[in-house]
PDB file of N, CA and C in Angstrom:
ATOM      1  N   MET A   1     -30.410 -11.163 -37.936  1.00  0.00           N
ATOM      2  CA  MET A   1     -29.714 -11.345 -36.689  1.00  0.00           C
ATOM      3  C   MET A   1     -28.236 -10.997 -36.897  1.00  0.00           C
ATOM      4  N   SER A   2     -27.725 -10.090 -36.136  1.00  0.00           N
ATOM      5  CA  SER A   2     -26.330  -9.690 -36.296  1.00  0.00           C
ATOM      6  C   SER A   2     -25.481 -10.305 -35.199  1.00  0.00           C
ATOM      7  N   HIS A   3     -24.328 -10.695 -35.596  1.00  0.00           N
ATOM      8  CA  HIS A   3     -23.379 -11.240 -34.620  1.00  0.00           C
ATOM      9  C   HIS A   3     -22.303 -10.196 -34.392  1.00  0.00           C
ATOM     10  N   ARG A   4     -22.136  -9.835 -33.176  1.00  0.00           N
ATOM     11  CA  ARG A   4     -21.105  -8.854 -32.836  1.00  0.00           C
ATOM     12  C   ARG A   4     -19.806  -9.591 -32.568  1.00  0.00           C
ATOM     13  N   GLN A   5     -18.784  -9.096 -33.181  1.00  0.00           N
ATOM     14  CA  GLN A   5     -17.472  -9.678 -32.931  1.00  0.00           C
ATOM     15  C   GLN A   5     -16.917  -9.064 -31.660  1.00  0.00           C
ATOM     16  N   SER A   6     -16.257  -9.890 -30.895  1.00  0.00           N
ATOM     17  CA  SER A   6     -15.629  -9.344 -29.696  1.00  0.00           C
ATOM     18  C   SER A   6     -14.451  -8.489 -30.119  1.00  0.00           C
ATOM     19  N   PRO A   7     -14.251  -7.383 -29.419  1.00  0.00           N
ATOM     20  CA  PRO A   7     -13.152  -6.499 -29.814  1.00  0.00           C
ATOM     21  C   PRO A   7     -11.810  -7.191 -29.648  1.00  0.00           C
ATOM     22  N   GLN A   8     -10.930  -6.900 -30.578  1.00  0.00           N
ATOM     23  CA  GLN A   8      -9.578  -7.440 -30.505  1.00  0.00           C
ATOM     24  C   GLN A   8      -8.826  -6.727 -29.394  1.00  0.00           C
ATOM     25  N   PRO A   9      -8.011  -7.450 -28.630  1.00  0.00           N
ATOM     26  CA  PRO A   9      -7.221  -6.773 -27.597  1.00  0.00           C
ATOM     27  C   PRO A   9      -6.256  -5.786 -28.247  1.00  0.00           C
ATOM     28  N   ARG A  10      -6.128  -4.650 -27.618  1.00  0.00           N
ATOM     29  CA  ARG A  10      -5.218  -3.632 -28.135  1.00  0.00           C
ATOM     30  C   ARG A  10      -3.786  -4.007 -27.788  1.00  0.00           C
ATOM     31  N   PRO A  11      -2.879  -3.837 -28.727  1.00  0.00           N
ATOM     32  CA  PRO A  11      -1.482  -4.150 -28.412  1.00  0.00           C
ATOM     33  C   PRO A  11      -0.948  -3.194 -27.349  1.00  0.00           C
ATOM     34  N   ALA A  12      -0.113  -3.718 -26.493  1.00  0.00           N
ATOM     35  CA  ALA A  12       0.504  -2.894 -25.455  1.00  0.00           C
ATOM     36  C   ALA A  12       1.624  -2.060 -26.066  1.00  0.00           C
ATOM     37  N   ALA A  13       1.797  -0.863 -25.575  1.00  0.00           N
ATOM     38  CA  ALA A  13       2.875   0.015 -26.039  1.00  0.00           C
ATOM     39  C   ALA A  13       4.010  -0.034 -25.027  1.00  0.00           C
ATOM     40  N   ARG A  14       5.166  -0.432 -25.488  1.00  0.00           N
ATOM     41  CA  ARG A  14       6.351  -0.492 -24.632  1.00  0.00           C
ATOM     42  C   ARG A  14       7.200   0.748 -24.867  1.00  0.00           C
ATOM     43  N   LEU A  15       7.516   1.432 -23.784  1.00  0.00           N
ATOM     44  CA  LEU A  15       8.435   2.565 -23.856  1.00  0.00           C
ATOM     45  C   LEU A  15       9.828   2.026 -24.109  1.00  0.00           C
ATOM     46  N   LEU A  16      10.458   2.502 -25.172  1.00  0.00           N
ATOM     47  CA  LEU A  16      11.784   2.027 -25.535  1.00  0.00           C
ATOM     48  C   LEU A  16      12.868   2.851 -24.839  1.00  0.00           C
ATOM     49  N   PRO A  17      14.051   2.273 -24.653  1.00  0.00           N
ATOM     50  CA  PRO A  17      15.102   2.960 -23.900  1.00  0.00           C
ATOM     51  C   PRO A  17      15.900   3.976 -24.712  1.00  0.00           C
ATOM     52  N   TRP A  18      15.334   4.486 -25.776  1.00  0.00           N
ATOM     53  CA  TRP A  18      16.001   5.529 -26.554  1.00  0.00           C
ATOM     54  C   TRP A  18      14.953   6.546 -26.980  1.00  0.00           C
ATOM     55  N   SER A  19      15.426   7.696 -27.372  1.00  0.00           N
ATOM     56  CA  SER A  19      14.540   8.768 -27.821  1.00  0.00           C
ATOM     57  C   SER A  19      14.536   8.835 -29.333  1.00  0.00           C
ATOM     58  N   GLY A  20      13.455   9.352 -29.857  1.00  0.00           N
ATOM     59  CA  GLY A  20      13.347   9.564 -31.287  1.00  0.00           C
ATOM     60  C   GLY A  20      13.799  10.961 -31.652  1.00  0.00           C
ATOM     61  N   SER A  21      13.382  11.377 -32.812  1.00  0.00           N
ATOM     62  CA  SER A  21      13.750  12.716 -33.251  1.00  0.00           C
ATOM     63  C   SER A  21      13.167  13.746 -32.288  1.00  0.00           C
ATOM     64  N   GLU A  22      13.882  14.797 -32.105  1.00  0.00           N
ATOM     65  CA  GLU A  22      13.492  15.896 -31.219  1.00  0.00           C
ATOM     66  C   GLU A  22      13.383  15.457 -29.765  1.00  0.00           C
ATOM     67  N   GLY A  23      14.021  14.342 -29.408  1.00  0.00           N
ATOM     68  CA  GLY A  23      14.034  13.891 -28.021  1.00  0.00           C
ATOM     69  C   GLY A  23      12.729  13.293 -27.529  1.00  0.00           C
ATOM     70  N   LYS A  24      11.825  12.999 -28.449  1.00  0.00           N
ATOM     71  CA  LYS A  24      10.532  12.437 -28.053  1.00  0.00           C
ATOM     72  C   LYS A  24      10.662  10.951 -27.749  1.00  0.00           C
ATOM     73  N   ALA A  25       9.797  10.471 -26.847  1.00  0.00           N
ATOM     74  CA  ALA A  25       9.794   9.064 -26.467  1.00  0.00           C
ATOM     75  C   ALA A  25       9.423   8.187 -27.658  1.00  0.00           C
ATOM     76  N   CYS A  26      10.002   6.994 -27.692  1.00  0.00           N
ATOM     77  CA  CYS A  26       9.687   6.001 -28.721  1.00  0.00           C
ATOM     78  C   CYS A  26       8.961   4.840 -28.049  1.00  0.00           C
ATOM     79  N   TYR A  27       7.966   4.327 -28.744  1.00  0.00           N
ATOM     80  CA  TYR A  27       7.190   3.205 -28.235  1.00  0.00           C
ATOM     81  C   TYR A  27       7.169   2.082 -29.266  1.00  0.00           C
ATOM     82  N   LEU A  28       7.066   0.864 -28.760  1.00  0.00           N
ATOM     83  CA  LEU A  28       6.932  -0.318 -29.599  1.00  0.00           C
ATOM     84  C   LEU A  28       5.598  -0.946 -29.268  1.00  0.00           C
ATOM     85  N   LEU A  29       4.771  -1.149 -30.278  1.00  0.00           N
ATOM     86  CA  LEU A  29       3.504  -1.835 -30.065  1.00  0.00           C
ATOM     87  C   LEU A  29       3.779  -3.329 -30.014  1.00  0.00           C
ATOM     88  N   CYS A  30       3.422  -3.950 -28.884  1.00  0.00           N
ATOM     89  CA  CYS A  30       3.678  -5.371 -28.664  1.00  0.00           C
ATOM     90  C   CYS A  30       2.358  -6.123 -28.754  1.00  0.00           C
ATOM     91  N   ASP A  31       2.355  -7.182 -29.525  1.00  0.00           N
ATOM     92  CA  ASP A  31       1.144  -7.983 -29.682  1.00  0.00           C
ATOM     93  C   ASP A  31       1.218  -9.269 -28.872  1.00  0.00           C
ATOM     94  N   GLY A  32       1.965  -9.238 -27.798  1.00  0.00           N
ATOM     95  CA  GLY A  32       2.131 -10.434 -26.975  1.00  0.00           C
ATOM     96  C   GLY A  32       3.451 -11.142 -27.233  1.00  0.00           C
ATOM     97  N   ASN A  33       4.116 -10.825 -28.341  1.00  0.00           N
ATOM     98  CA  ASN A  33       5.403 -11.422 -28.648  1.00  0.00           C
ATOM     99  C   ASN A  33       6.495 -10.528 -28.073  1.00  0.00           C
ATOM    100  N   GLU A  34       6.876 -10.820 -26.862  1.00  0.00           N
ATOM    101  CA  GLU A  34       7.895 -10.017 -26.189  1.00  0.00           C
ATOM    102  C   GLU A  34       9.308 -10.436 -26.573  1.00  0.00           C
ATOM    103  N   ARG A  35       9.455 -11.372 -27.482  1.00  0.00           N
ATOM    104  CA  ARG A  35      10.790 -11.837 -27.854  1.00  0.00           C
ATOM    105  C   ARG A  35      11.143 -11.465 -29.283  1.00  0.00           C
ATOM    106  N   GLY A  36      10.452 -10.494 -29.833  1.00  0.00           N
ATOM    107  CA  GLY A  36      10.792 -10.014 -31.165  1.00  0.00           C
ATOM    108  C   GLY A  36      12.124  -9.283 -31.144  1.00  0.00           C
ATOM    109  N   TYR A  37      12.641  -8.999 -32.326  1.00  0.00           N
ATOM    110  CA  TYR A  37      13.960  -8.364 -32.448  1.00  0.00           C
ATOM    111  C   TYR A  37      14.044  -7.055 -31.669  1.00  0.00           C
ATOM    112  N   LEU A  38      13.085  -6.160 -31.859  1.00  0.00           N
ATOM    113  CA  LEU A  38      13.155  -4.858 -31.179  1.00  0.00           C
ATOM    114  C   LEU A  38      13.001  -4.996 -29.669  1.00  0.00           C
ATOM    115  N   SER A  39      12.190  -5.925 -29.216  1.00  0.00           N
ATOM    116  CA  SER A  39      12.055  -6.147 -27.774  1.00  0.00           C
ATOM    117  C   SER A  39      13.366  -6.647 -27.176  1.00  0.00           C
ATOM    118  N   ARG A  40      14.011  -7.573 -27.875  1.00  0.00           N
ATOM    119  CA  ARG A  40      15.309  -8.083 -27.392  1.00  0.00           C
ATOM    120  C   ARG A  40      16.362  -6.985 -27.407  1.00  0.00           C
ATOM    121  N   LEU A  41      16.368  -6.171 -28.462  1.00  0.00           N
ATOM    122  CA  LEU A  41      17.318  -5.063 -28.542  1.00  0.00           C
ATOM    123  C   LEU A  41      17.083  -4.085 -27.395  1.00  0.00           C
ATOM    124  N   ALA A  42      15.826  -3.759 -27.138  1.00  0.00           N
ATOM    125  CA  ALA A  42      15.499  -2.848 -26.034  1.00  0.00           C
ATOM    126  C   ALA A  42      15.944  -3.437 -24.697  1.00  0.00           C
ATOM    127  N   ASP A  43      15.719  -4.738 -24.495  1.00  0.00           N
ATOM    128  CA  ASP A  43      16.172  -5.394 -23.263  1.00  0.00           C
ATOM    129  C   ASP A  43      17.684  -5.275 -23.113  1.00  0.00           C
ATOM    130  N   ASP A  44      18.407  -5.514 -24.202  1.00  0.00           N
ATOM    131  CA  ASP A  44      19.876  -5.433 -24.161  1.00  0.00           C
ATOM    132  C   ASP A  44      20.338  -4.015 -23.841  1.00  0.00           C
ATOM    133  N   ILE A  45      19.722  -3.038 -24.462  1.00  0.00           N
ATOM    134  CA  ILE A  45      20.120  -1.644 -24.218  1.00  0.00           C
ATOM    135  C   ILE A  45      19.792  -1.237 -22.789  1.00  0.00           C
ATOM    136  N   GLU A  46      18.633  -1.650 -22.287  1.00  0.00           N
ATOM    137  CA  GLU A  46      18.290  -1.360 -20.889  1.00  0.00           C
ATOM    138  C   GLU A  46      19.333  -1.946 -19.955  1.00  0.00           C
ATOM    139  N   SER A  47      19.766  -3.175 -20.231  1.00  0.00           N
ATOM    140  CA  SER A  47      20.771  -3.828 -19.399  1.00  0.00           C
ATOM    141  C   SER A  47      22.082  -3.033 -19.405  1.00  0.00           C
ATOM    142  N   VAL A  48      22.495  -2.581 -20.578  1.00  0.00           N
ATOM    143  CA  VAL A  48      23.721  -1.772 -20.696  1.00  0.00           C
ATOM    144  C   VAL A  48      23.559  -0.460 -19.937  1.00  0.00           C
ATOM    145  N   GLN A  49      22.406   0.193 -20.078  1.00  0.00           N
ATOM    146  CA  GLN A  49      22.172   1.469 -19.400  1.00  0.00           C
ATOM    147  C   GLN A  49      22.237   1.297 -17.881  1.00  0.00           C
ATOM    148  N   LEU A  50      21.628   0.233 -17.366  1.00  0.00           N
ATOM    149  CA  LEU A  50      21.666   0.000 -15.922  1.00  0.00           C
ATOM    150  C   LEU A  50      23.079  -0.299 -15.444  1.00  0.00           C
ATOM    151  N   HIS A  51      23.829  -1.082 -16.211  1.00  0.00           N
ATOM    152  CA  HIS A  51      25.211  -1.400 -15.851  1.00  0.00           C
ATOM    153  C   HIS A  51      26.072  -0.123 -15.872  1.00  0.00           C
ATOM    154  N   MET A  52      25.884   0.704 -16.903  1.00  0.00           N
ATOM    155  CA  MET A  52      26.658   1.947 -16.995  1.00  0.00           C
ATOM    156  C   MET A  52      26.321   2.885 -15.834  1.00  0.00           C
ATOM    157  N   GLY A  53      25.057   2.938 -15.455  1.00  0.00           N
ATOM    158  CA  GLY A  53      24.658   3.772 -14.323  1.00  0.00           C
ATOM    159  C   GLY A  53      25.325   3.321 -13.035  1.00  0.00           C
ATOM    160  N   ASP A  54      25.386   2.013 -12.843  1.00  0.00           N
ATOM    161  CA  ASP A  54      26.032   1.463 -11.652  1.00  0.00           C
ATOM    162  C   ASP A  54      27.524   1.794 -11.644  1.00  0.00           C
ATOM    163  N   ALA A  55      28.174   1.627 -12.793  1.00  0.00           N
ATOM    164  CA  ALA A  55      29.607   1.941 -12.891  1.00  0.00           C
ATOM    165  C   ALA A  55      29.852   3.433 -12.673  1.00  0.00           C
ATOM    166  N   LEU A  56      28.998   4.263 -13.231  1.00  0.00           N
ATOM    167  CA  LEU A  56      29.139   5.708 -13.075  1.00  0.00           C
ATOM    168  C   LEU A  56      28.974   6.126 -11.621  1.00  0.00           C
ATOM    169  N   LEU A  57      28.066   5.479 -10.924  1.00  0.00           N
ATOM    170  CA  LEU A  57      27.857   5.789  -9.517  1.00  0.00           C
ATOM    171  C   LEU A  57      29.123   5.529  -8.699  1.00  0.00           C
ATOM    172  N   GLY A  58      29.798   4.416  -8.982  1.00  0.00           N
ATOM    173  CA  GLY A  58      31.060   4.134  -8.290  1.00  0.00           C
ATOM    174  C   GLY A  58      32.128   5.157  -8.617  1.00  0.00           C
ATOM    175  N   HIS A  59      32.198   5.550  -9.877  1.00  0.00           N
ATOM    176  CA  HIS A  59      33.160   6.570 -10.300  1.00  0.00           C
ATOM    177  C   HIS A  59      32.828   7.917  -9.646  1.00  0.00           C
ATOM    178  N   ALA A  60      31.561   8.223  -9.556  1.00  0.00           N
ATOM    179  CA  ALA A  60      31.132   9.490  -8.960  1.00  0.00           C
ATOM    180  C   ALA A  60      31.566   9.574  -7.507  1.00  0.00           C
ATOM    181  N   GLN A  61      31.371   8.482  -6.781  1.00  0.00           N
ATOM    182  CA  GLN A  61      31.754   8.505  -5.371  1.00  0.00           C
ATOM    183  C   GLN A  61      33.247   8.733  -5.203  1.00  0.00           C
ATOM    184  N   ALA A  62      34.050   8.131  -6.082  1.00  0.00           N
ATOM    185  CA  ALA A  62      35.501   8.330  -6.008  1.00  0.00           C
ATOM    186  C   ALA A  62      35.860   9.785  -6.270  1.00  0.00           C
ATOM    187  N   LEU A  63      35.220  10.425  -7.247  1.00  0.00           N
ATOM    188  CA  LEU A  63      35.502  11.837  -7.527  1.00  0.00           C
ATOM    189  C   LEU A  63      35.055  12.736  -6.385  1.00  0.00           C
ATOM    190  N   ILE A  64      33.907  12.444  -5.821  1.00  0.00           N
ATOM    191  CA  ILE A  64      33.396  13.260  -4.713  1.00  0.00           C
ATOM    192  C   ILE A  64      34.302  13.144  -3.498  1.00  0.00           C
ATOM    193  N   ASP A  65      34.824  11.960  -3.248  1.00  0.00           N
ATOM    194  CA  ASP A  65      35.691  11.738  -2.089  1.00  0.00           C
ATOM    195  C   ASP A  65      37.084  12.332  -2.262  1.00  0.00           C
ATOM    196  N   ASP A  66      37.478  12.639  -3.476  1.00  0.00           N
ATOM    197  CA  ASP A  66      38.816  13.174  -3.750  1.00  0.00           C
ATOM    198  C   ASP A  66      38.791  14.700  -3.618  1.00  0.00           C
ATOM    199  N   PRO A  67      39.514  15.245  -2.636  1.00  0.00           N
ATOM    200  CA  PRO A  67      39.504  16.700  -2.445  1.00  0.00           C
ATOM    201  C   PRO A  67      40.168  17.470  -3.596  1.00  0.00           C
ATOM    202  N   LYS A  68      40.897  16.776  -4.463  1.00  0.00           N
ATOM    203  CA  LYS A  68      41.552  17.430  -5.591  1.00  0.00           C
ATOM    204  C   LYS A  68      40.633  17.576  -6.808  1.00  0.00           C
ATOM    205  N   THR A  69      39.442  17.000  -6.744  1.00  0.00           N
ATOM    206  CA  THR A  69      38.514  17.095  -7.867  1.00  0.00           C
ATOM    207  C   THR A  69      38.069  18.545  -8.044  1.00  0.00           C
ATOM    208  N   GLY A  70      38.241  19.053  -9.257  1.00  0.00           N
ATOM    209  CA  GLY A  70      37.910  20.446  -9.529  1.00  0.00           C
ATOM    210  C   GLY A  70      36.481  20.634 -10.009  1.00  0.00           C
ATOM    211  N   PRO A  71      36.062  21.892 -10.120  1.00  0.00           N
ATOM    212  CA  PRO A  71      34.689  22.194 -10.530  1.00  0.00           C
ATOM    213  C   PRO A  71      34.358  21.706 -11.940  1.00  0.00           C
ATOM    214  N   GLU A  72      35.337  21.727 -12.851  1.00  0.00           N
ATOM    215  CA  GLU A  72      35.078  21.251 -14.211  1.00  0.00           C
ATOM    216  C   GLU A  72      34.754  19.764 -14.215  1.00  0.00           C
ATOM    217  N   GLU A  73      35.518  18.996 -13.419  1.00  0.00           N
ATOM    218  CA  GLU A  73      35.268  17.560 -13.326  1.00  0.00           C
ATOM    219  C   GLU A  73      33.904  17.278 -12.695  1.00  0.00           C
ATOM    220  N   LEU A  74      33.570  18.046 -11.668  1.00  0.00           N
ATOM    221  CA  LEU A  74      32.272  17.850 -11.020  1.00  0.00           C
ATOM    222  C   LEU A  74      31.118  18.238 -11.935  1.00  0.00           C
ATOM    223  N   ARG A  75      31.303  19.269 -12.731  1.00  0.00           N
ATOM    224  CA  ARG A  75      30.266  19.671 -13.695  1.00  0.00           C
ATOM    225  C   ARG A  75      30.082  18.573 -14.748  1.00  0.00           C
ATOM    226  N   TYR A  76      31.191  18.043 -15.241  1.00  0.00           N
ATOM    227  CA  TYR A  76      31.123  16.947 -16.215  1.00  0.00           C
ATOM    228  C   TYR A  76      30.437  15.727 -15.598  1.00  0.00           C
ATOM    229  N   LEU A  77      30.821  15.401 -14.373  1.00  0.00           N
ATOM    230  CA  LEU A  77      30.218  14.282 -13.656  1.00  0.00           C
ATOM    231  C   LEU A  77      28.715  14.501 -13.484  1.00  0.00           C
ATOM    232  N   SER A  78      28.325  15.705 -13.136  1.00  0.00           N
ATOM    233  CA  SER A  78      26.900  16.017 -12.968  1.00  0.00           C
ATOM    234  C   SER A  78      26.126  15.801 -14.260  1.00  0.00           C
ATOM    235  N   ALA A  79      26.711  16.192 -15.371  1.00  0.00           N
ATOM    236  CA  ALA A  79      26.055  15.999 -16.666  1.00  0.00           C
ATOM    237  C   ALA A  79      25.883  14.510 -16.971  1.00  0.00           C
ATOM    238  N   ARG A  80      26.929  13.701 -16.716  1.00  0.00           N
ATOM    239  CA  ARG A  80      26.838  12.266 -16.988  1.00  0.00           C
ATOM    240  C   ARG A  80      25.845  11.587 -16.034  1.00  0.00           C
ATOM    241  N   LEU A  81      25.843  12.013 -14.760  1.00  0.00           N
ATOM    242  CA  LEU A  81      24.890  11.451 -13.808  1.00  0.00           C
ATOM    243  C   LEU A  81      23.453  11.794 -14.200  1.00  0.00           C
ATOM    244  N   THR A  82      23.243  12.994 -14.703  1.00  0.00           N
ATOM    245  CA  THR A  82      21.913  13.398 -15.154  1.00  0.00           C
ATOM    246  C   THR A  82      21.462  12.528 -16.316  1.00  0.00           C
ATOM    247  N   GLU A  83      22.348  12.303 -17.279  1.00  0.00           N
ATOM    248  CA  GLU A  83      22.017  11.439 -18.417  1.00  0.00           C
ATOM    249  C   GLU A  83      21.692  10.024 -17.947  1.00  0.00           C
ATOM    250  N   SER A  84      22.500   9.509 -17.035  1.00  0.00           N
ATOM    251  CA  SER A  84      22.300   8.157 -16.549  1.00  0.00           C
ATOM    252  C   SER A  84      20.997   8.043 -15.766  1.00  0.00           C
ATOM    253  N   LEU A  85      20.708   9.023 -14.942  1.00  0.00           N
ATOM    254  CA  LEU A  85      19.464   9.003 -14.174  1.00  0.00           C
ATOM    255  C   LEU A  85      18.258   9.041 -15.109  1.00  0.00           C
ATOM    256  N   ARG A  86      18.335   9.835 -16.161  1.00  0.00           N
ATOM    257  CA  ARG A  86      17.251   9.886 -17.149  1.00  0.00           C
ATOM    258  C   ARG A  86      17.036   8.504 -17.783  1.00  0.00           C
ATOM    259  N   ASP A  87      18.144   7.836 -18.135  1.00  0.00           N
ATOM    260  CA  ASP A  87      18.042   6.497 -18.719  1.00  0.00           C
ATOM    261  C   ASP A  87      17.427   5.503 -17.737  1.00  0.00           C
ATOM    262  N   VAL A  88      17.896   5.532 -16.503  1.00  0.00           N
ATOM    263  CA  VAL A  88      17.414   4.582 -15.502  1.00  0.00           C
ATOM    264  C   VAL A  88      15.940   4.823 -15.184  1.00  0.00           C
ATOM    265  N   LEU A  89      15.526   6.074 -15.130  1.00  0.00           N
ATOM    266  CA  LEU A  89      14.107   6.365 -14.887  1.00  0.00           C
ATOM    267  C   LEU A  89      13.237   5.893 -16.042  1.00  0.00           C
ATOM    268  N   ARG A  90      13.743   6.014 -17.267  1.00  0.00           N
ATOM    269  CA  ARG A  90      12.994   5.516 -18.431  1.00  0.00           C
ATOM    270  C   ARG A  90      12.868   3.990 -18.356  1.00  0.00           C
ATOM    271  N   VAL A  91      13.940   3.301 -17.972  1.00  0.00           N
ATOM    272  CA  VAL A  91      13.883   1.847 -17.817  1.00  0.00           C
ATOM    273  C   VAL A  91      12.859   1.483 -16.738  1.00  0.00           C
ATOM    274  N   ALA A  92      12.878   2.184 -15.617  1.00  0.00           N
ATOM    275  CA  ALA A  92      11.927   1.910 -14.533  1.00  0.00           C
ATOM    276  C   ALA A  92      10.497   2.154 -14.990  1.00  0.00           C
ATOM    277  N   GLU A  93      10.264   3.225 -15.717  1.00  0.00           N
ATOM    278  CA  GLU A  93       8.928   3.520 -16.219  1.00  0.00           C
ATOM    279  C   GLU A  93       8.456   2.426 -17.180  1.00  0.00           C
ATOM    280  N   SER A  94       9.336   2.036 -18.087  1.00  0.00           N
ATOM    281  CA  SER A  94       8.988   1.006 -19.062  1.00  0.00           C
ATOM    282  C   SER A  94       8.688  -0.323 -18.383  1.00  0.00           C
ATOM    283  N   ARG A  95       9.539  -0.732 -17.473  1.00  0.00           N
ATOM    284  CA  ARG A  95       9.345  -2.019 -16.805  1.00  0.00           C
ATOM    285  C   ARG A  95       8.136  -1.983 -15.874  1.00  0.00           C
ATOM    286  N   GLY A  96       7.914  -0.865 -15.227  1.00  0.00           N
ATOM    287  CA  GLY A  96       6.743  -0.734 -14.365  1.00  0.00           C
ATOM    288  C   GLY A  96       5.451  -0.827 -15.156  1.00  0.00           C
ATOM    289  N   ALA A  97       5.425  -0.180 -16.314  1.00  0.00           N
ATOM    290  CA  ALA A  97       4.238  -0.228 -17.162  1.00  0.00           C
ATOM    291  C   ALA A  97       3.961  -1.651 -17.650  1.00  0.00           C
ATOM    292  N   ARG A  98       5.029  -2.395 -17.935  1.00  0.00           N
ATOM    293  CA  ARG A  98       4.848  -3.768 -18.406  1.00  0.00           C
ATOM    294  C   ARG A  98       4.371  -4.682 -17.279  1.00  0.00           C
ATOM    295  N   LEU A  99       4.755  -4.382 -16.043  1.00  0.00           N
ATOM    296  CA  LEU A  99       4.275  -5.181 -14.906  1.00  0.00           C
ATOM    297  C   LEU A  99       2.781  -4.965 -14.690  1.00  0.00           C
ATOM    298  N   LEU A 100       2.325  -3.739 -14.903  1.00  0.00           N
ATOM    299  CA  LEU A 100       0.917  -3.414 -14.710  1.00  0.00           C
ATOM    300  C   LEU A 100       0.051  -3.912 -15.856  1.00  0.00           C
ATOM    301  N   GLY A 101       0.657  -4.032 -17.044  1.00  0.00           N
ATOM    302  CA  GLY A 101      -0.104  -4.387 -18.243  1.00  0.00           C
ATOM    303  C   GLY A 101      -0.330  -5.817 -18.429  1.00  0.00           C
TER     304      GLY A 101
END
């Protein structure tokens, strides 16, 4: 008579708020302990990224409203806004996946 063991739950993969080598996404396998060092670090970095995005948005509006803003400044602003949007979308993806999981 054989006894089958119930399968162990698979650890959830959390998308981290930074990229690895070659710009690839980094994941943390979570075994239910969401308060480990890397999880806390990721939470802190996500918080900083969201705060920076909010601050950048206010700065962007001021530059856009200023008729003296030149094309170089707007190009630089566009690059920073693109970086910030990428960060914020990664945070949204990570948090959304954790809500579903």
